[in-house]
Amino acid sequence: MRTKVTRGADSRTAALAMVFKLVESAQQRWRAVNAPHLVALVRAGAVFKNGEPVERPEAVAA
C-alpha cells in the first residue's frame, strides 16, 4: 500500500507534463471539423437545427 498519497503536481514542469498527457489522450476522441465554412457562423452565435441554419430562432417561453 502507498503510505504517501500524491495530491498534485510538485512542480510546474510536472503539472505541465500531466496536462499535456491529458490533452493528448482527449485529442484521440475529438471529432474533426467537417464543415469549416460554418465555424464562423457558430462563433457569431448562429442557431442550427438539424444541421441547417435557422434564420430567426423561436422565442423560448420561460
N, C-alpha and C. Protein backbone atom coordinates (compact mmCIF):
# COMPACT_ATOMS: atom_id res chain seq x y z
N MET A 1 0.83 -1.19 0.00
CA MET A 1 0.00 0.00 0.00
C MET A 1 0.87 1.24 0.00
N ARG A 2 0.33 2.26 -0.60
CA ARG A 2 1.06 3.52 -0.61
C ARG A 2 0.82 4.23 0.71
N THR A 3 1.86 4.76 1.25
CA THR A 3 1.73 5.49 2.51
C THR A 3 1.63 6.99 2.26
N LYS A 4 2.14 7.44 1.13
CA LYS A 4 2.10 8.86 0.81
C LYS A 4 1.26 9.04 -0.45
N VAL A 5 0.15 9.71 -0.34
CA VAL A 5 -0.76 9.92 -1.47
C VAL A 5 -0.33 11.16 -2.22
N THR A 6 -0.24 11.06 -3.53
CA THR A 6 0.11 12.21 -4.35
C THR A 6 -1.12 13.08 -4.50
N ARG A 7 -1.04 14.31 -4.06
CA ARG A 7 -2.18 15.22 -4.10
C ARG A 7 -2.15 16.13 -5.31
N GLY A 8 -1.04 16.29 -5.92
CA GLY A 8 -0.95 17.19 -7.06
C GLY A 8 0.45 17.22 -7.60
N ALA A 9 0.67 18.15 -8.48
CA ALA A 9 1.99 18.28 -9.07
C ALA A 9 2.94 18.96 -8.09
N ASP A 10 4.15 18.44 -8.05
CA ASP A 10 5.15 19.03 -7.15
C ASP A 10 5.82 20.25 -7.78
N SER A 11 5.81 20.30 -9.09
CA SER A 11 6.48 21.43 -9.75
C SER A 11 5.67 21.85 -10.97
N ARG A 12 6.04 22.97 -11.52
CA ARG A 12 5.38 23.48 -12.72
C ARG A 12 5.61 22.53 -13.90
N THR A 13 6.81 21.97 -13.98
CA THR A 13 7.13 21.05 -15.07
C THR A 13 6.28 19.79 -15.00
N ALA A 14 6.08 19.27 -13.79
CA ALA A 14 5.26 18.07 -13.63
C ALA A 14 3.80 18.36 -13.97
N ALA A 15 3.31 19.53 -13.56
CA ALA A 15 1.93 19.91 -13.87
C ALA A 15 1.74 20.05 -15.38
N LEU A 16 2.69 20.67 -16.04
CA LEU A 16 2.62 20.84 -17.48
C LEU A 16 2.64 19.49 -18.20
N ALA A 17 3.45 18.56 -17.72
CA ALA A 17 3.51 17.23 -18.31
C ALA A 17 2.18 16.49 -18.13
N MET A 18 1.55 16.62 -16.95
CA MET A 18 0.26 15.97 -16.70
C MET A 18 -0.82 16.54 -17.61
N VAL A 19 -0.85 17.86 -17.76
CA VAL A 19 -1.85 18.49 -18.62
C VAL A 19 -1.63 18.07 -20.07
N PHE A 20 -0.39 18.02 -20.49
CA PHE A 20 -0.08 17.60 -21.86
C PHE A 20 -0.59 16.20 -22.13
N LYS A 21 -0.34 15.27 -21.21
CA LYS A 21 -0.79 13.89 -21.40
C LYS A 21 -2.31 13.80 -21.39
N LEU A 22 -2.99 14.59 -20.56
CA LEU A 22 -4.45 14.58 -20.55
C LEU A 22 -5.02 15.08 -21.87
N VAL A 23 -4.47 16.17 -22.38
CA VAL A 23 -4.95 16.72 -23.65
C VAL A 23 -4.63 15.76 -24.79
N GLU A 24 -3.47 15.15 -24.73
CA GLU A 24 -3.08 14.21 -25.77
C GLU A 24 -4.03 13.00 -25.82
N SER A 25 -4.45 12.51 -24.68
CA SER A 25 -5.39 11.39 -24.66
C SER A 25 -6.80 11.83 -25.06
N ALA A 26 -7.21 13.04 -24.70
CA ALA A 26 -8.53 13.54 -25.08
C ALA A 26 -8.60 13.81 -26.58
N GLN A 27 -7.50 14.17 -27.17
CA GLN A 27 -7.45 14.50 -28.59
C GLN A 27 -7.84 13.30 -29.45
N GLN A 28 -7.62 12.11 -28.98
CA GLN A 28 -7.96 10.91 -29.75
C GLN A 28 -9.46 10.73 -29.88
N ARG A 29 -10.24 11.34 -28.99
CA ARG A 29 -11.70 11.20 -29.03
C ARG A 29 -12.39 12.39 -29.70
N TRP A 30 -11.64 13.43 -30.06
CA TRP A 30 -12.24 14.60 -30.67
C TRP A 30 -12.64 14.31 -32.11
N ARG A 31 -13.72 14.91 -32.55
CA ARG A 31 -14.16 14.78 -33.93
C ARG A 31 -13.52 15.88 -34.77
N ALA A 32 -13.25 15.55 -36.01
CA ALA A 32 -12.72 16.54 -36.93
C ALA A 32 -13.84 17.47 -37.37
N VAL A 33 -13.50 18.70 -37.66
CA VAL A 33 -14.49 19.67 -38.15
C VAL A 33 -14.75 19.32 -39.62
N ASN A 34 -15.99 18.92 -39.92
CA ASN A 34 -16.30 18.52 -41.29
C ASN A 34 -17.04 19.62 -42.06
N ALA A 35 -17.17 20.79 -41.47
CA ALA A 35 -17.78 21.93 -42.16
C ALA A 35 -17.09 23.21 -41.70
N PRO A 36 -15.83 23.39 -42.11
CA PRO A 36 -15.08 24.55 -41.63
C PRO A 36 -15.69 25.88 -42.04
N HIS A 37 -16.48 25.90 -43.10
CA HIS A 37 -17.09 27.16 -43.53
C HIS A 37 -18.20 27.61 -42.58
N LEU A 38 -18.68 26.72 -41.70
CA LEU A 38 -19.73 27.08 -40.75
C LEU A 38 -19.19 27.51 -39.39
N VAL A 39 -17.89 27.36 -39.18
CA VAL A 39 -17.30 27.69 -37.88
C VAL A 39 -17.50 29.17 -37.55
N ALA A 40 -17.35 30.04 -38.54
CA ALA A 40 -17.53 31.47 -38.30
C ALA A 40 -18.96 31.77 -37.88
N LEU A 41 -19.93 31.08 -38.47
CA LEU A 41 -21.34 31.29 -38.09
C LEU A 41 -21.59 30.85 -36.65
N VAL A 42 -21.02 29.72 -36.27
CA VAL A 42 -21.20 29.23 -34.90
C VAL A 42 -20.58 30.20 -33.90
N ARG A 43 -19.40 30.70 -34.21
CA ARG A 43 -18.75 31.66 -33.32
C ARG A 43 -19.53 32.96 -33.22
N ALA A 44 -20.26 33.31 -34.28
CA ALA A 44 -21.06 34.54 -34.28
C ALA A 44 -22.39 34.36 -33.54
N GLY A 45 -22.71 33.10 -33.18
CA GLY A 45 -23.92 32.87 -32.41
C GLY A 45 -25.09 32.37 -33.23
N ALA A 46 -24.86 31.91 -34.44
CA ALA A 46 -25.95 31.40 -35.28
C ALA A 46 -26.54 30.13 -34.66
N VAL A 47 -27.82 29.94 -34.86
CA VAL A 47 -28.52 28.78 -34.33
C VAL A 47 -28.77 27.80 -35.47
N PHE A 48 -28.50 26.52 -35.21
CA PHE A 48 -28.70 25.48 -36.20
C PHE A 48 -29.72 24.47 -35.66
N LYS A 49 -30.54 23.96 -36.58
CA LYS A 49 -31.48 22.90 -36.21
C LYS A 49 -31.42 21.84 -37.30
N ASN A 50 -31.11 20.63 -36.90
CA ASN A 50 -30.94 19.51 -37.83
C ASN A 50 -29.89 19.81 -38.90
N GLY A 51 -28.85 20.52 -38.50
CA GLY A 51 -27.75 20.81 -39.41
C GLY A 51 -27.97 21.97 -40.35
N GLU A 52 -29.12 22.62 -40.27
CA GLU A 52 -29.43 23.75 -41.13
C GLU A 52 -29.53 25.02 -40.29
N PRO A 53 -28.99 26.14 -40.78
CA PRO A 53 -29.10 27.40 -40.00
C PRO A 53 -30.55 27.86 -39.91
N VAL A 54 -30.92 28.32 -38.74
CA VAL A 54 -32.27 28.85 -38.50
C VAL A 54 -32.18 30.36 -38.62
N GLU A 55 -33.02 30.94 -39.46
CA GLU A 55 -32.98 32.39 -39.68
C GLU A 55 -33.36 33.14 -38.42
N ARG A 56 -34.52 32.85 -37.88
CA ARG A 56 -34.98 33.51 -36.67
C ARG A 56 -35.33 32.43 -35.64
N PRO A 57 -34.53 32.27 -34.61
CA PRO A 57 -34.86 31.25 -33.62
C PRO A 57 -36.16 31.59 -32.90
N GLU A 58 -36.94 30.56 -32.64
CA GLU A 58 -38.21 30.75 -31.93
C GLU A 58 -37.94 31.19 -30.50
N ALA A 59 -38.79 32.08 -29.99
CA ALA A 59 -38.62 32.55 -28.62
C ALA A 59 -38.96 31.41 -27.66
N VAL A 60 -38.12 31.24 -26.67
CA VAL A 60 -38.33 30.18 -25.69
C VAL A 60 -39.18 30.74 -24.56
N ALA A 61 -40.30 30.10 -24.32
CA ALA A 61 -41.19 30.54 -23.24
C ALA A 61 -40.60 30.11 -21.91
N ALA A 62 -40.45 31.04 -20.99
CA ALA A 62 -39.83 30.70 -19.71
C ALA A 62 -40.86 30.41 -18.66
